[in-house]
Amino acid sequence: MRALLTFLFSATGVAVWACDVCQKNQPAPLRGITHGTGPQSQWDLVIVWGAGVIVTITLVLALRMLLRPGEGHDGHIKRIILHDPSIPHGT
């Protein structure tokens, strides 16, 4: 399975490099990486950077909530449900 995935990734990796025409249309940071036209205006770069910031913040907050959820006090709904004697457990 690992050999098949390695072959697929290496075989498709060569095909995604930009062609000569696309390299000429791209700005310097993207030259040789992507196909198609580059950003059409400065607003395109602002939108991409804004989306990157939002994704980064979301990732950091998701990891923080996963690793340290902060549900320590006894009145939290999770603790009430887990320790409620009227709820049958193990069924």
C-alpha atoms as a PDB file:
ATOM      1  CA  MET A   1       0.000   0.000   0.000  1.00  0.00           C
ATOM      2  CA  ARG A   2       2.800   2.387   0.922  1.00  0.00           C
ATOM      3  CA  ALA A   3       4.574   1.699  -2.378  1.00  0.00           C
ATOM      4  CA  LEU A   4       1.383   2.397  -4.318  1.00  0.00           C
ATOM      5  CA  LEU A   5       0.847   5.727  -2.559  1.00  0.00           C
ATOM      6  CA  THR A   6       4.485   6.681  -3.091  1.00  0.00           C
ATOM      7  CA  PHE A   7       4.182   5.882  -6.776  1.00  0.00           C
ATOM      8  CA  LEU A   8       0.939   7.861  -7.125  1.00  0.00           C
ATOM      9  CA  PHE A   9       2.321  10.916  -5.360  1.00  0.00           C
ATOM     10  CA  SER A  10       5.569  10.865  -7.306  1.00  0.00           C
ATOM     11  CA  ALA A  11       3.823  10.265 -10.636  1.00  0.00           C
ATOM     12  CA  THR A  12       1.339  13.103 -10.137  1.00  0.00           C
ATOM     13  CA  GLY A  13       3.921  15.461  -8.641  1.00  0.00           C
ATOM     14  CA  VAL A  14       5.664  15.907 -11.970  1.00  0.00           C
ATOM     15  CA  ALA A  15       2.434  16.741 -13.781  1.00  0.00           C
ATOM     16  CA  VAL A  16       1.506  19.639 -11.513  1.00  0.00           C
ATOM     17  CA  TRP A  17       4.530  21.817 -12.244  1.00  0.00           C
ATOM     18  CA  ALA A  18       3.646  24.892 -14.262  1.00  0.00           C
ATOM     19  CA  CYS A  19       4.194  24.979 -18.007  1.00  0.00           C
ATOM     20  CA  ASP A  20       6.302  27.665 -19.728  1.00  0.00           C
ATOM     21  CA  VAL A  21       3.323  29.911 -20.553  1.00  0.00           C
ATOM     22  CA  CYS A  22       2.000  29.755 -16.994  1.00  0.00           C
ATOM     23  CA  GLN A  23       5.441  30.510 -15.560  1.00  0.00           C
ATOM     24  CA  LYS A  24       5.539  33.769 -17.506  1.00  0.00           C
ATOM     25  CA  ASN A  25       2.077  34.800 -16.202  1.00  0.00           C
ATOM     26  CA  GLN A  26       2.815  34.134 -12.539  1.00  0.00           C
ATOM     27  CA  PRO A  27       4.357  36.605 -10.095  1.00  0.00           C
ATOM     28  CA  ALA A  28       7.849  35.754  -8.845  1.00  0.00           C
ATOM     29  CA  PRO A  29       6.850  33.907  -5.615  1.00  0.00           C
ATOM     30  CA  LEU A  30       4.485  31.562  -7.518  1.00  0.00           C
ATOM     31  CA  ARG A  31       6.560  31.099 -10.657  1.00  0.00           C
ATOM     32  CA  GLY A  32       7.038  27.448 -11.526  1.00  0.00           C
ATOM     33  CA  ILE A  33       4.559  26.185  -8.926  1.00  0.00           C
ATOM     34  CA  THR A  34       1.030  26.753 -10.224  1.00  0.00           C
ATOM     35  CA  HIS A  35      -0.851  26.787 -13.501  1.00  0.00           C
ATOM     36  CA  GLY A  36      -3.122  29.571 -14.694  1.00  0.00           C
ATOM     37  CA  THR A  37      -2.978  33.279 -14.215  1.00  0.00           C
ATOM     38  CA  GLY A  38      -1.585  34.882 -11.135  1.00  0.00           C
ATOM     39  CA  PRO A  39      -3.373  37.282  -8.835  1.00  0.00           C
ATOM     40  CA  GLN A  40      -5.306  39.857 -10.861  1.00  0.00           C
ATOM     41  CA  SER A  41      -5.060  42.656  -8.286  1.00  0.00           C
ATOM     42  CA  GLN A  42      -3.660  43.425  -4.852  1.00  0.00           C
ATOM     43  CA  TRP A  43      -7.033  42.469  -3.350  1.00  0.00           C
ATOM     44  CA  ASP A  44      -6.425  38.851  -4.337  1.00  0.00           C
ATOM     45  CA  LEU A  45      -3.356  38.734  -2.133  1.00  0.00           C
ATOM     46  CA  VAL A  46      -5.236  40.416   0.735  1.00  0.00           C
ATOM     47  CA  ILE A  47      -7.996  37.799   0.478  1.00  0.00           C
ATOM     48  CA  VAL A  48      -5.502  34.906   0.450  1.00  0.00           C
ATOM     49  CA  TRP A  49      -3.540  36.290   3.408  1.00  0.00           C
ATOM     50  CA  GLY A  50      -6.789  36.958   5.302  1.00  0.00           C
ATOM     51  CA  ALA A  51      -7.950  33.394   4.701  1.00  0.00           C
ATOM     52  CA  GLY A  52      -4.560  32.111   5.843  1.00  0.00           C
ATOM     53  CA  VAL A  53      -4.795  34.106   9.065  1.00  0.00           C
ATOM     54  CA  ILE A  54      -8.317  32.807   9.736  1.00  0.00           C
ATOM     55  CA  VAL A  55      -7.242  29.202   9.108  1.00  0.00           C
ATOM     56  CA  THR A  56      -4.208  29.608  11.378  1.00  0.00           C
ATOM     57  CA  ILE A  57      -6.272  31.101  14.207  1.00  0.00           C
ATOM     58  CA  THR A  58      -8.878  28.348  13.820  1.00  0.00           C
ATOM     59  CA  LEU A  59      -6.198  25.643  13.917  1.00  0.00           C
ATOM     60  CA  VAL A  60      -4.553  27.108  17.019  1.00  0.00           C
ATOM     61  CA  LEU A  61      -7.882  27.436  18.850  1.00  0.00           C
ATOM     62  CA  ALA A  62      -8.985  23.926  17.849  1.00  0.00           C
ATOM     63  CA  LEU A  63      -5.740  22.436  19.133  1.00  0.00           C
ATOM     64  CA  ARG A  64      -6.009  24.464  22.333  1.00  0.00           C
ATOM     65  CA  MET A  65      -9.563  23.263  22.967  1.00  0.00           C
ATOM     66  CA  LEU A  66      -8.577  19.687  22.161  1.00  0.00           C
ATOM     67  CA  LEU A  67      -5.544  19.620  24.457  1.00  0.00           C
ATOM     68  CA  ARG A  68      -6.833  21.809  27.311  1.00  0.00           C
ATOM     69  CA  PRO A  69     -10.625  22.091  27.170  1.00  0.00           C
ATOM     70  CA  GLY A  70     -10.900  23.964  30.482  1.00  0.00           C
ATOM     71  CA  GLU A  71     -13.929  22.140  31.840  1.00  0.00           C
ATOM     72  CA  GLY A  72     -12.612  21.737  35.361  1.00  0.00           C
ATOM     73  CA  HIS A  73     -15.300  23.109  37.656  1.00  0.00           C
ATOM     74  CA  ASP A  74     -17.854  20.779  39.247  1.00  0.00           C
ATOM     75  CA  GLY A  75     -20.894  22.625  37.883  1.00  0.00           C
ATOM     76  CA  HIS A  76     -20.029  21.964  34.254  1.00  0.00           C
ATOM     77  CA  ILE A  77     -22.710  20.094  32.299  1.00  0.00           C
ATOM     78  CA  LYS A  78     -20.288  17.300  31.431  1.00  0.00           C
ATOM     79  CA  ARG A  79     -19.638  16.560  35.097  1.00  0.00           C
ATOM     80  CA  ILE A  80     -23.324  16.729  36.015  1.00  0.00           C
ATOM     81  CA  ILE A  81     -24.187  14.150  33.360  1.00  0.00           C
ATOM     82  CA  LEU A  82     -21.259  11.866  34.162  1.00  0.00           C
ATOM     83  CA  HIS A  83     -21.932  11.836  37.913  1.00  0.00           C
ATOM     84  CA  ASP A  84     -25.738  11.863  37.937  1.00  0.00           C
ATOM     85  CA  PRO A  85     -26.917   8.758  39.847  1.00  0.00           C
ATOM     86  CA  SER A  86     -30.333   8.786  38.116  1.00  0.00           C
ATOM     87  CA  ILE A  87     -28.732   8.053  34.738  1.00  0.00           C
ATOM     88  CA  PRO A  88     -27.998   4.319  34.286  1.00  0.00           C
ATOM     89  CA  HIS A  89     -24.436   3.693  33.171  1.00  0.00           C
ATOM     90  CA  GLY A  90     -23.059   0.766  31.203  1.00  0.00           C
ATOM     91  CA  THR A  91     -26.240  -0.040  29.297  1.00  0.00           C
END
